[in-house]
Amino acid sequence: MAVSANIEFHIAAPVSVVMEVLMDIESLPEWSGPHKEAEIIDEHDDGAPRTVRMVVTAAGISDEQTCTYEWTDTTCEWRLIKSNQLSEQRGKYTVTATDTGSHVHFDLEVDLKIKLPGLIVKRAQKMAVDTSRKGLTAEAEKRAAG
């Protein structure tokens, strides 16, 4: 059963800085608690990350995942290629400029290979959106402040 979560939030940093943070895949473990490792396997012709391997721990479950990424100037979108625990994952950040920084819309859809109690799935979902909002905001605002 696929579960989805989404959140919208504001970051006091320009779109370019938010996208820089998202594209800096190898910094994920610094601002995203669930990400224990993140490495770029290969890149698009323009140097943007294409294939990424990550080790993620959420709700007490550790997983090694490989995802493929697509980028525009204002979006970061990924889908799962391989995972021990998930059968599907799709995520997308959409970043738009505001007068005071950036508006971020984050969507995540996940389907587990194994059956887990709803409470654990909900906890993992909440962790994903909280990390997105808090971690990305803190890192982008820190970089914007210079």
C-alpha atoms as a PDB file:
ATOM      1  CA  MET A   1       0.000   0.000   0.000  1.00  0.00           C
ATOM      2  CA  ALA A   2       1.535   3.305  -1.088  1.00  0.00           C
ATOM      3  CA  VAL A   3       1.526   6.155   1.393  1.00  0.00           C
ATOM      4  CA  SER A   4       2.030   9.768   0.517  1.00  0.00           C
ATOM      5  CA  ALA A   5       2.861  12.932   2.384  1.00  0.00           C
ATOM      6  CA  ASN A   6       3.271  16.538   1.384  1.00  0.00           C
ATOM      7  CA  ILE A   7       4.081  19.827   3.015  1.00  0.00           C
ATOM      8  CA  GLU A   8       4.470  23.456   1.997  1.00  0.00           C
ATOM      9  CA  PHE A   9       6.749  25.883   3.814  1.00  0.00           C
ATOM     10  CA  HIS A  10       8.728  29.114   3.469  1.00  0.00           C
ATOM     11  CA  ILE A  11      12.512  29.512   3.499  1.00  0.00           C
ATOM     12  CA  ALA A  12      14.167  32.907   3.943  1.00  0.00           C
ATOM     13  CA  ALA A  13      16.667  32.191   1.151  1.00  0.00           C
ATOM     14  CA  PRO A  14      16.581  32.660  -2.624  1.00  0.00           C
ATOM     15  CA  VAL A  15      15.482  29.814  -4.906  1.00  0.00           C
ATOM     16  CA  SER A  16      19.061  29.439  -6.175  1.00  0.00           C
ATOM     17  CA  VAL A  17      20.345  28.710  -2.652  1.00  0.00           C
ATOM     18  CA  VAL A  18      17.548  26.214  -1.894  1.00  0.00           C
ATOM     19  CA  MET A  19      18.283  24.404  -5.168  1.00  0.00           C
ATOM     20  CA  GLU A  20      22.036  24.478  -4.390  1.00  0.00           C
ATOM     21  CA  VAL A  21      21.355  22.706  -1.080  1.00  0.00           C
ATOM     22  CA  LEU A  22      19.164  20.089  -2.778  1.00  0.00           C
ATOM     23  CA  MET A  23      21.765  19.497  -5.488  1.00  0.00           C
ATOM     24  CA  ASP A  24      24.529  19.101  -2.878  1.00  0.00           C
ATOM     25  CA  ILE A  25      23.547  15.455  -2.352  1.00  0.00           C
ATOM     26  CA  GLU A  26      26.674  14.593  -0.382  1.00  0.00           C
ATOM     27  CA  SER A  27      25.692  17.123   2.331  1.00  0.00           C
ATOM     28  CA  LEU A  28      22.371  15.310   2.997  1.00  0.00           C
ATOM     29  CA  PRO A  29      23.664  13.525   6.144  1.00  0.00           C
ATOM     30  CA  GLU A  30      24.594  16.948   7.606  1.00  0.00           C
ATOM     31  CA  TRP A  31      21.070  18.384   7.489  1.00  0.00           C
ATOM     32  CA  SER A  32      18.806  15.349   7.132  1.00  0.00           C
ATOM     33  CA  GLY A  33      18.893  13.130  10.222  1.00  0.00           C
ATOM     34  CA  PRO A  34      17.563   9.966   8.515  1.00  0.00           C
ATOM     35  CA  HIS A  35      20.305  10.099   5.845  1.00  0.00           C
ATOM     36  CA  LYS A  36      23.390   8.318   7.176  1.00  0.00           C
ATOM     37  CA  GLU A  37      25.259   8.219   3.836  1.00  0.00           C
ATOM     38  CA  ALA A  38      24.759   9.839   0.438  1.00  0.00           C
ATOM     39  CA  GLU A  39      26.967   9.514  -2.610  1.00  0.00           C
ATOM     40  CA  ILE A  40      26.629  10.486  -6.236  1.00  0.00           C
ATOM     41  CA  ILE A  41      27.139   7.515  -8.550  1.00  0.00           C
ATOM     42  CA  ASP A  42      26.859   9.426 -11.818  1.00  0.00           C
ATOM     43  CA  GLU A  43      25.838  12.831 -13.140  1.00  0.00           C
ATOM     44  CA  HIS A  44      23.829  14.405 -15.946  1.00  0.00           C
ATOM     45  CA  ASP A  45      25.800  16.149 -18.720  1.00  0.00           C
ATOM     46  CA  ASP A  46      25.460  19.477 -16.866  1.00  0.00           C
ATOM     47  CA  GLY A  47      27.017  18.036 -13.675  1.00  0.00           C
ATOM     48  CA  ALA A  48      23.758  17.663 -11.724  1.00  0.00           C
ATOM     49  CA  PRO A  49      23.440  14.401  -9.774  1.00  0.00           C
ATOM     50  CA  ARG A  50      21.662  11.674 -11.766  1.00  0.00           C
ATOM     51  CA  THR A  51      22.071   8.428  -9.803  1.00  0.00           C
ATOM     52  CA  VAL A  52      22.507   8.514  -6.025  1.00  0.00           C
ATOM     53  CA  ARG A  53      23.101   5.832  -3.400  1.00  0.00           C
ATOM     54  CA  MET A  54      21.889   6.553   0.129  1.00  0.00           C
ATOM     55  CA  VAL A  55      21.675   4.805   3.465  1.00  0.00           C
ATOM     56  CA  VAL A  56      18.535   5.941   5.289  1.00  0.00           C
ATOM     57  CA  THR A  57      17.239   5.073   8.749  1.00  0.00           C
ATOM     58  CA  ALA A  58      13.625   5.909   9.580  1.00  0.00           C
ATOM     59  CA  ALA A  59      11.356   4.588  12.311  1.00  0.00           C
ATOM     60  CA  GLY A  60      14.066   2.151  13.380  1.00  0.00           C
ATOM     61  CA  ILE A  61      14.459   0.612   9.916  1.00  0.00           C
ATOM     62  CA  SER A  62      17.675   1.027   7.952  1.00  0.00           C
ATOM     63  CA  ASP A  63      17.670   0.863   4.161  1.00  0.00           C
ATOM     64  CA  GLU A  64      20.138   1.246   1.321  1.00  0.00           C
ATOM     65  CA  GLN A  65      18.502   3.001  -1.614  1.00  0.00           C
ATOM     66  CA  THR A  66      19.508   3.951  -5.132  1.00  0.00           C
ATOM     67  CA  CYS A  67      17.519   6.746  -6.760  1.00  0.00           C
ATOM     68  CA  THR A  68      17.579   8.572 -10.064  1.00  0.00           C
ATOM     69  CA  TYR A  69      17.197  12.367 -10.075  1.00  0.00           C
ATOM     70  CA  GLU A  70      15.854  14.902 -12.564  1.00  0.00           C
ATOM     71  CA  TRP A  71      16.403  18.651 -12.149  1.00  0.00           C
ATOM     72  CA  THR A  72      15.143  21.972 -13.433  1.00  0.00           C
ATOM     73  CA  ASP A  73      16.000  25.443 -12.099  1.00  0.00           C
ATOM     74  CA  THR A  74      13.119  25.130  -9.632  1.00  0.00           C
ATOM     75  CA  THR A  75      12.471  21.397  -9.139  1.00  0.00           C
ATOM     76  CA  CYS A  76      14.237  18.369  -7.752  1.00  0.00           C
ATOM     77  CA  GLU A  77      12.487  15.088  -8.546  1.00  0.00           C
ATOM     78  CA  TRP A  78      13.579  11.533  -7.794  1.00  0.00           C
ATOM     79  CA  ARG A  79      12.374   7.988  -8.058  1.00  0.00           C
ATOM     80  CA  LEU A  80      13.598   4.772  -6.549  1.00  0.00           C
ATOM     81  CA  ILE A  81      15.663   2.367  -8.629  1.00  0.00           C
ATOM     82  CA  LYS A  82      16.636  -0.144  -5.930  1.00  0.00           C
ATOM     83  CA  SER A  83      15.937  -0.645  -2.206  1.00  0.00           C
ATOM     84  CA  ASN A  84      15.910  -3.382   0.401  1.00  0.00           C
ATOM     85  CA  GLN A  85      12.782  -2.100   2.175  1.00  0.00           C
ATOM     86  CA  LEU A  86      10.817  -0.105  -0.423  1.00  0.00           C
ATOM     87  CA  SER A  87       9.121  -1.210  -3.609  1.00  0.00           C
ATOM     88  CA  GLU A  88       8.535   2.380  -4.740  1.00  0.00           C
ATOM     89  CA  GLN A  89       9.509   5.924  -3.830  1.00  0.00           C
ATOM     90  CA  ARG A  90       8.862   9.141  -5.681  1.00  0.00           C
ATOM     91  CA  GLY A  91       9.647  12.566  -4.345  1.00  0.00           C
ATOM     92  CA  LYS A  92       9.610  16.119  -5.607  1.00  0.00           C
ATOM     93  CA  TYR A  93      10.586  19.539  -4.341  1.00  0.00           C
ATOM     94  CA  THR A  94       9.096  22.494  -6.190  1.00  0.00           C
ATOM     95  CA  VAL A  95      10.638  25.842  -5.231  1.00  0.00           C
ATOM     96  CA  THR A  96       9.138  29.224  -6.204  1.00  0.00           C
ATOM     97  CA  ALA A  97      10.364  32.712  -5.447  1.00  0.00           C
ATOM     98  CA  THR A  98       8.546  34.953  -2.963  1.00  0.00           C
ATOM     99  CA  ASP A  99       9.189  38.526  -1.828  1.00  0.00           C
ATOM    100  CA  THR A 100      11.020  37.208   1.242  1.00  0.00           C
ATOM    101  CA  GLY A 101      12.721  34.078  -0.073  1.00  0.00           C
ATOM    102  CA  SER A 102      11.288  30.822  -1.368  1.00  0.00           C
ATOM    103  CA  HIS A 103       8.090  28.817  -1.130  1.00  0.00           C
ATOM    104  CA  VAL A 104       8.750  25.072  -1.098  1.00  0.00           C
ATOM    105  CA  HIS A 105       6.252  22.330  -1.915  1.00  0.00           C
ATOM    106  CA  PHE A 106       7.468  18.822  -1.012  1.00  0.00           C
ATOM    107  CA  ASP A 107       5.689  15.642  -2.144  1.00  0.00           C
ATOM    108  CA  LEU A 108       6.716  12.121  -1.194  1.00  0.00           C
ATOM    109  CA  GLU A 109       5.138   8.791  -2.099  1.00  0.00           C
ATOM    110  CA  VAL A 110       6.488   5.547  -0.679  1.00  0.00           C
ATOM    111  CA  ASP A 111       5.440   1.923  -0.977  1.00  0.00           C
ATOM    112  CA  LEU A 112       6.965  -0.610   1.402  1.00  0.00           C
ATOM    113  CA  LYS A 113       7.942  -4.163   0.455  1.00  0.00           C
ATOM    114  CA  ILE A 114       7.034  -5.358   3.939  1.00  0.00           C
ATOM    115  CA  LYS A 115       3.892  -4.880   5.994  1.00  0.00           C
ATOM    116  CA  LEU A 116       4.371  -2.524   8.926  1.00  0.00           C
ATOM    117  CA  PRO A 117       1.898  -1.259  11.501  1.00  0.00           C
ATOM    118  CA  GLY A 118       0.234   1.979  10.437  1.00  0.00           C
ATOM    119  CA  LEU A 119       1.699   3.808  13.434  1.00  0.00           C
ATOM    120  CA  ILE A 120       5.269   3.088  12.289  1.00  0.00           C
ATOM    121  CA  VAL A 121       4.494   4.112   8.709  1.00  0.00           C
ATOM    122  CA  LYS A 122       2.906   7.372   9.925  1.00  0.00           C
ATOM    123  CA  ARG A 123       5.934   8.060  12.164  1.00  0.00           C
ATOM    124  CA  ALA A 124       8.311   7.579   9.222  1.00  0.00           C
ATOM    125  CA  GLN A 125       6.157   9.867   7.050  1.00  0.00           C
ATOM    126  CA  LYS A 126       6.147  12.561   9.728  1.00  0.00           C
ATOM    127  CA  MET A 127       9.923  12.267  10.072  1.00  0.00           C
ATOM    128  CA  ALA A 128      10.355  12.713   6.315  1.00  0.00           C
ATOM    129  CA  VAL A 129       8.279  15.882   6.098  1.00  0.00           C
ATOM    130  CA  ASP A 130       9.678  17.320   9.348  1.00  0.00           C
ATOM    131  CA  THR A 131      13.226  16.715   8.121  1.00  0.00           C
ATOM    132  CA  SER A 132      12.349  18.304   4.816  1.00  0.00           C
ATOM    133  CA  ARG A 133      10.928  21.408   6.454  1.00  0.00           C
ATOM    134  CA  LYS A 134      13.351  21.871   9.349  1.00  0.00           C
ATOM    135  CA  GLY A 135      16.583  20.544   7.872  1.00  0.00           C
ATOM    136  CA  LEU A 136      16.305  22.084   4.420  1.00  0.00           C
ATOM    137  CA  THR A 137      15.164  25.413   5.894  1.00  0.00           C
ATOM    138  CA  ALA A 138      18.041  25.579   8.386  1.00  0.00           C
ATOM    139  CA  GLU A 139      20.685  24.614   5.820  1.00  0.00           C
ATOM    140  CA  ALA A 140      19.433  26.981   3.091  1.00  0.00           C
ATOM    141  CA  GLU A 141      19.097  29.912   5.509  1.00  0.00           C
ATOM    142  CA  LYS A 142      22.585  29.215   6.898  1.00  0.00           C
ATOM    143  CA  ARG A 143      24.070  29.233   3.388  1.00  0.00           C
ATOM    144  CA  ALA A 144      22.128  32.343   2.405  1.00  0.00           C
ATOM    145  CA  ALA A 145      23.459  34.196   5.463  1.00  0.00           C
ATOM    146  CA  GLY A 146      26.939  33.293   4.247  1.00  0.00           C
END
